[in-house]
Amino acid sequence: MIKVKRVYDEPLEEDGLRILVDRLWPRGISKKDAKVDLWINEVAPSTDLRKWFNHEDPKWQEFRKKYFLELKERKEEIKQLIELKGEEDITLLFSAKNEEHNNAVALKEYLEEVG
């Protein structure tokens, strides 16, 4: 099972393997407090795409399309995530304030489609 959660939310045992999927380390939280098991920043959107999207809801559908195209080029990282989700529950961690429209939500959707 894949879950999605803000890295700032309290870590819970039922999170399973906690994987940060942001390109940059989140501001204001230490590695100890974040309790991140794995950081796969290669699956984050490119800097240009992230800046263009800027978590603006009207751009969500176009962001997803562009991001999915980028993810197709990251075969090894996607394979790794699919294998991990087959072994145990995983939680994709993100730092964005927008909990509905962010890269982790889109990545979860992508992983469920391809894996």
N, C-alpha and C. Protein backbone atom coordinates (compact mmCIF):
# COMPACT_ATOMS: atom_id res chain seq x y z
N MET A 1 0.84 -1.18 0.00
CA MET A 1 0.00 0.00 0.00
C MET A 1 0.88 1.24 0.00
N ILE A 2 0.46 2.22 -0.74
CA ILE A 2 1.18 3.50 -0.79
C ILE A 2 0.33 4.56 -0.11
N LYS A 3 0.97 5.27 0.81
CA LYS A 3 0.32 6.41 1.47
C LYS A 3 1.12 7.66 1.15
N VAL A 4 0.51 8.80 1.37
CA VAL A 4 1.15 10.08 1.13
C VAL A 4 0.95 10.93 2.39
N LYS A 5 2.01 11.64 2.78
CA LYS A 5 1.94 12.38 4.04
C LYS A 5 2.96 13.52 4.03
N ARG A 6 2.61 14.62 4.70
CA ARG A 6 3.58 15.71 4.85
C ARG A 6 4.69 15.25 5.78
N VAL A 7 5.89 15.58 5.45
CA VAL A 7 7.04 15.20 6.27
C VAL A 7 6.97 15.85 7.65
N TYR A 8 6.23 16.94 7.77
CA TYR A 8 6.10 17.65 9.04
C TYR A 8 5.09 16.99 9.98
N ASP A 9 4.25 16.10 9.46
CA ASP A 9 3.27 15.40 10.30
C ASP A 9 3.98 14.36 11.16
N GLU A 10 3.36 14.04 12.27
CA GLU A 10 3.97 13.10 13.20
C GLU A 10 4.22 11.73 12.55
N PRO A 11 5.44 11.23 12.67
CA PRO A 11 5.72 9.88 12.14
C PRO A 11 4.95 8.83 12.96
N LEU A 12 4.34 7.89 12.27
CA LEU A 12 3.58 6.83 12.93
C LEU A 12 4.12 5.48 12.50
N GLU A 13 3.97 4.49 13.34
CA GLU A 13 4.44 3.15 13.02
C GLU A 13 3.77 2.61 11.76
N GLU A 14 2.49 2.93 11.57
CA GLU A 14 1.76 2.42 10.41
C GLU A 14 2.17 3.10 9.10
N ASP A 15 3.08 4.07 9.17
CA ASP A 15 3.60 4.68 7.94
C ASP A 15 4.39 3.66 7.13
N GLY A 16 4.94 2.67 7.78
CA GLY A 16 5.80 1.73 7.08
C GLY A 16 7.11 2.41 6.73
N LEU A 17 7.62 2.13 5.55
CA LEU A 17 8.86 2.74 5.08
C LEU A 17 8.57 4.18 4.66
N ARG A 18 9.25 5.12 5.28
CA ARG A 18 9.02 6.55 5.02
C ARG A 18 10.04 7.04 4.00
N ILE A 19 9.53 7.46 2.82
CA ILE A 19 10.39 7.84 1.70
C ILE A 19 10.14 9.30 1.32
N LEU A 20 11.15 10.12 1.49
CA LEU A 20 11.05 11.52 1.07
C LEU A 20 11.24 11.59 -0.44
N VAL A 21 10.30 12.25 -1.13
CA VAL A 21 10.35 12.32 -2.59
C VAL A 21 10.47 13.76 -3.10
N ASP A 22 10.98 14.65 -2.27
CA ASP A 22 11.25 16.03 -2.67
C ASP A 22 12.69 16.14 -3.13
N ARG A 23 12.95 17.09 -4.03
CA ARG A 23 14.31 17.30 -4.53
C ARG A 23 15.20 17.91 -3.45
N LEU A 24 14.65 18.81 -2.65
CA LEU A 24 15.40 19.51 -1.61
C LEU A 24 14.95 19.03 -0.24
N TRP A 25 15.86 19.07 0.73
CA TRP A 25 15.49 18.71 2.10
C TRP A 25 14.51 19.76 2.62
N PRO A 26 13.44 19.34 3.29
CA PRO A 26 12.42 20.28 3.80
C PRO A 26 13.00 21.26 4.83
N ARG A 27 12.55 22.48 4.75
CA ARG A 27 13.00 23.51 5.68
C ARG A 27 12.45 23.26 7.08
N GLY A 28 13.28 23.56 8.05
CA GLY A 28 12.83 23.60 9.43
C GLY A 28 12.63 22.26 10.11
N ILE A 29 13.11 21.18 9.55
CA ILE A 29 12.96 19.88 10.19
C ILE A 29 14.29 19.13 10.08
N SER A 30 14.71 18.60 11.20
CA SER A 30 15.98 17.87 11.21
C SER A 30 15.77 16.46 10.66
N LYS A 31 16.85 15.85 10.25
CA LYS A 31 16.78 14.48 9.75
C LYS A 31 16.30 13.54 10.84
N LYS A 32 16.69 13.83 12.07
CA LYS A 32 16.25 13.00 13.21
C LYS A 32 14.74 13.09 13.40
N ASP A 33 14.20 14.30 13.39
CA ASP A 33 12.77 14.50 13.61
C ASP A 33 11.92 14.02 12.44
N ALA A 34 12.45 14.09 11.23
CA ALA A 34 11.69 13.68 10.04
C ALA A 34 11.51 12.17 9.99
N LYS A 35 12.43 11.44 10.58
CA LYS A 35 12.38 9.97 10.57
C LYS A 35 12.19 9.42 9.15
N VAL A 36 13.02 9.93 8.25
CA VAL A 36 13.00 9.49 6.85
C VAL A 36 13.88 8.24 6.73
N ASP A 37 13.31 7.18 6.18
CA ASP A 37 14.07 5.95 5.98
C ASP A 37 14.88 6.00 4.70
N LEU A 38 14.35 6.71 3.71
CA LEU A 38 14.99 6.74 2.39
C LEU A 38 14.63 8.06 1.73
N TRP A 39 15.61 8.66 1.07
CA TRP A 39 15.37 9.91 0.35
C TRP A 39 15.70 9.65 -1.11
N ILE A 40 14.68 9.65 -1.95
CA ILE A 40 14.87 9.42 -3.39
C ILE A 40 14.52 10.72 -4.11
N ASN A 41 15.45 11.66 -4.09
CA ASN A 41 15.15 12.96 -4.68
C ASN A 41 15.16 12.93 -6.21
N GLU A 42 15.65 11.84 -6.80
CA GLU A 42 15.66 11.74 -8.27
C GLU A 42 14.25 11.61 -8.85
N VAL A 43 13.26 11.23 -8.04
CA VAL A 43 11.89 11.12 -8.55
C VAL A 43 11.10 12.41 -8.39
N ALA A 44 11.73 13.41 -7.83
CA ALA A 44 11.07 14.71 -7.69
C ALA A 44 11.00 15.38 -9.05
N PRO A 45 10.05 16.29 -9.23
CA PRO A 45 9.98 17.03 -10.49
C PRO A 45 11.26 17.83 -10.71
N SER A 46 11.57 18.06 -11.97
CA SER A 46 12.73 18.90 -12.28
C SER A 46 12.53 20.28 -11.65
N THR A 47 13.62 20.98 -11.46
CA THR A 47 13.54 22.32 -10.87
C THR A 47 12.66 23.23 -11.71
N ASP A 48 12.80 23.16 -13.02
CA ASP A 48 11.98 24.01 -13.90
C ASP A 48 10.50 23.69 -13.74
N LEU A 49 10.16 22.41 -13.72
CA LEU A 49 8.75 22.03 -13.59
C LEU A 49 8.20 22.42 -12.23
N ARG A 50 8.99 22.20 -11.19
CA ARG A 50 8.55 22.55 -9.83
C ARG A 50 8.29 24.05 -9.72
N LYS A 51 9.19 24.86 -10.26
CA LYS A 51 9.02 26.32 -10.20
C LYS A 51 7.82 26.76 -11.03
N TRP A 52 7.64 26.15 -12.21
CA TRP A 52 6.51 26.51 -13.06
C TRP A 52 5.19 26.20 -12.36
N PHE A 53 5.08 25.01 -11.78
CA PHE A 53 3.84 24.58 -11.13
C PHE A 53 3.54 25.45 -9.91
N ASN A 54 4.51 25.63 -9.04
CA ASN A 54 4.35 26.49 -7.86
C ASN A 54 3.12 26.14 -7.02
N HIS A 55 2.70 24.90 -7.09
CA HIS A 55 1.53 24.38 -6.35
C HIS A 55 0.27 25.20 -6.59
N GLU A 56 0.11 25.64 -7.83
CA GLU A 56 -1.08 26.40 -8.23
C GLU A 56 -2.12 25.42 -8.77
N ASP A 57 -3.24 25.32 -8.08
CA ASP A 57 -4.27 24.34 -8.42
C ASP A 57 -4.69 24.35 -9.90
N PRO A 58 -4.84 25.51 -10.55
CA PRO A 58 -5.26 25.48 -11.96
C PRO A 58 -4.24 24.79 -12.88
N LYS A 59 -2.99 24.67 -12.45
CA LYS A 59 -1.96 24.04 -13.27
C LYS A 59 -1.83 22.54 -12.99
N TRP A 60 -2.63 22.00 -12.10
CA TRP A 60 -2.46 20.62 -11.63
C TRP A 60 -2.47 19.59 -12.75
N GLN A 61 -3.47 19.62 -13.62
CA GLN A 61 -3.56 18.60 -14.68
C GLN A 61 -2.37 18.66 -15.62
N GLU A 62 -1.96 19.86 -15.99
CA GLU A 62 -0.81 20.01 -16.88
C GLU A 62 0.48 19.59 -16.16
N PHE A 63 0.58 19.91 -14.88
CA PHE A 63 1.74 19.48 -14.09
C PHE A 63 1.84 17.96 -14.09
N ARG A 64 0.74 17.28 -13.83
CA ARG A 64 0.73 15.81 -13.79
C ARG A 64 1.24 15.24 -15.11
N LYS A 65 0.74 15.75 -16.23
CA LYS A 65 1.17 15.26 -17.55
C LYS A 65 2.67 15.43 -17.74
N LYS A 66 3.18 16.61 -17.44
CA LYS A 66 4.61 16.88 -17.61
C LYS A 66 5.45 16.05 -16.64
N TYR A 67 4.97 15.92 -15.42
CA TYR A 67 5.70 15.15 -14.41
C TYR A 67 5.74 13.67 -14.78
N PHE A 68 4.63 13.13 -15.27
CA PHE A 68 4.60 11.72 -15.68
C PHE A 68 5.60 11.47 -16.82
N LEU A 69 5.75 12.44 -17.72
CA LEU A 69 6.74 12.30 -18.78
C LEU A 69 8.16 12.25 -18.19
N GLU A 70 8.41 13.08 -17.20
CA GLU A 70 9.71 13.04 -16.53
C GLU A 70 9.92 11.70 -15.83
N LEU A 71 8.89 11.18 -15.18
CA LEU A 71 9.01 9.92 -14.45
C LEU A 71 9.32 8.75 -15.38
N LYS A 72 8.84 8.81 -16.61
CA LYS A 72 9.14 7.74 -17.58
C LYS A 72 10.63 7.61 -17.83
N GLU A 73 11.37 8.68 -17.62
CA GLU A 73 12.82 8.68 -17.82
C GLU A 73 13.58 8.18 -16.58
N ARG A 74 12.89 7.99 -15.49
CA ARG A 74 13.54 7.59 -14.23
C ARG A 74 13.21 6.13 -13.91
N LYS A 75 13.51 5.27 -14.85
CA LYS A 75 13.14 3.86 -14.77
C LYS A 75 13.68 3.14 -13.54
N GLU A 76 14.94 3.35 -13.21
CA GLU A 76 15.54 2.65 -12.06
C GLU A 76 14.89 3.04 -10.74
N GLU A 77 14.67 4.33 -10.57
CA GLU A 77 14.06 4.81 -9.33
C GLU A 77 12.61 4.32 -9.20
N ILE A 78 11.89 4.33 -10.32
CA ILE A 78 10.50 3.85 -10.30
C ILE A 78 10.48 2.36 -10.01
N LYS A 79 11.38 1.62 -10.62
CA LYS A 79 11.48 0.18 -10.34
C LYS A 79 11.75 -0.06 -8.86
N GLN A 80 12.65 0.72 -8.29
CA GLN A 80 12.97 0.59 -6.87
C GLN A 80 11.72 0.84 -6.00
N LEU A 81 10.96 1.88 -6.31
CA LEU A 81 9.76 2.18 -5.54
C LEU A 81 8.70 1.09 -5.68
N ILE A 82 8.55 0.56 -6.87
CA ILE A 82 7.57 -0.51 -7.10
C ILE A 82 7.97 -1.75 -6.30
N GLU A 83 9.26 -2.06 -6.29
CA GLU A 83 9.73 -3.20 -5.51
C GLU A 83 9.51 -2.99 -4.02
N LEU A 84 9.79 -1.80 -3.54
CA LEU A 84 9.60 -1.50 -2.12
C LEU A 84 8.13 -1.61 -1.72
N LYS A 85 7.24 -1.09 -2.56
CA LYS A 85 5.82 -1.16 -2.21
C LYS A 85 5.29 -2.59 -2.24
N GLY A 86 5.98 -3.46 -2.97
CA GLY A 86 5.61 -4.87 -3.00
C GLY A 86 6.03 -5.60 -1.74
N GLU A 87 7.02 -5.05 -1.04
CA GLU A 87 7.55 -5.70 0.15
C GLU A 87 6.87 -5.24 1.43
N GLU A 88 6.45 -3.97 1.47
CA GLU A 88 5.84 -3.42 2.69
C GLU A 88 5.09 -2.14 2.35
N ASP A 89 4.34 -1.64 3.32
CA ASP A 89 3.67 -0.36 3.13
C ASP A 89 4.73 0.73 3.02
N ILE A 90 4.49 1.69 2.14
CA ILE A 90 5.38 2.83 2.04
C ILE A 90 4.58 4.11 2.15
N THR A 91 5.22 5.13 2.69
CA THR A 91 4.63 6.45 2.77
C THR A 91 5.54 7.41 2.03
N LEU A 92 4.99 8.07 1.01
CA LEU A 92 5.72 9.07 0.26
C LEU A 92 5.59 10.39 1.00
N LEU A 93 6.72 10.94 1.39
CA LEU A 93 6.74 12.18 2.17
C LEU A 93 7.03 13.38 1.29
N PHE A 94 6.33 14.47 1.56
CA PHE A 94 6.52 15.71 0.81
C PHE A 94 6.46 16.87 1.79
N SER A 95 6.92 18.04 1.36
CA SER A 95 6.94 19.20 2.26
C SER A 95 5.95 20.29 1.87
N ALA A 96 5.34 20.20 0.72
CA ALA A 96 4.43 21.25 0.24
C ALA A 96 3.25 21.46 1.19
N LYS A 97 2.79 22.69 1.25
CA LYS A 97 1.61 22.99 2.07
C LYS A 97 0.34 22.48 1.42
N ASN A 98 0.32 22.44 0.10
CA ASN A 98 -0.85 21.96 -0.64
C ASN A 98 -0.86 20.43 -0.56
N GLU A 99 -1.76 19.89 0.24
CA GLU A 99 -1.80 18.45 0.48
C GLU A 99 -2.53 17.67 -0.62
N GLU A 100 -3.26 18.35 -1.48
CA GLU A 100 -4.02 17.67 -2.55
C GLU A 100 -3.27 17.66 -3.86
N HIS A 101 -2.52 18.71 -4.12
CA HIS A 101 -1.84 18.85 -5.41
C HIS A 101 -0.35 19.07 -5.18
N ASN A 102 0.39 17.96 -5.17
CA ASN A 102 1.83 18.01 -4.98
C ASN A 102 2.46 16.81 -5.67
N ASN A 103 3.78 16.80 -5.74
CA ASN A 103 4.47 15.74 -6.47
C ASN A 103 4.26 14.36 -5.86
N ALA A 104 4.13 14.25 -4.55
CA ALA A 104 3.93 12.94 -3.91
C ALA A 104 2.58 12.34 -4.30
N VAL A 105 1.55 13.16 -4.36
CA VAL A 105 0.22 12.69 -4.78
C VAL A 105 0.29 12.20 -6.22
N ALA A 106 0.94 12.97 -7.08
CA ALA A 106 1.07 12.58 -8.49
C ALA A 106 1.93 11.32 -8.62
N LEU A 107 2.99 11.23 -7.84
CA LEU A 107 3.87 10.05 -7.90
C LEU A 107 3.13 8.80 -7.44
N LYS A 108 2.33 8.91 -6.41
CA LYS A 108 1.52 7.77 -5.94
C LYS A 108 0.62 7.29 -7.08
N GLU A 109 -0.06 8.22 -7.73
CA GLU A 109 -0.94 7.88 -8.86
C GLU A 109 -0.14 7.17 -9.96
N TYR A 110 1.02 7.70 -10.28
CA TYR A 110 1.86 7.12 -11.32
C TYR A 110 2.27 5.69 -10.94
N LEU A 111 2.72 5.50 -9.72
CA LEU A 111 3.16 4.18 -9.27
C LEU A 111 2.01 3.17 -9.31
N GLU A 112 0.81 3.61 -8.95
CA GLU A 112 -0.34 2.72 -8.98
C GLU A 112 -0.73 2.34 -10.41
N GLU A 113 -0.47 3.24 -11.35
CA GLU A 113 -0.77 2.96 -12.76
C GLU A 113 0.25 1.99 -13.38
N VAL A 114 1.52 2.20 -13.08
CA VAL A 114 2.56 1.41 -13.75
C VAL A 114 2.97 0.15 -12.99
N GLY A 115 2.68 0.12 -11.70
CA GLY A 115 3.19 -1.01 -10.93
C GLY A 115 2.16 -1.83 -10.31
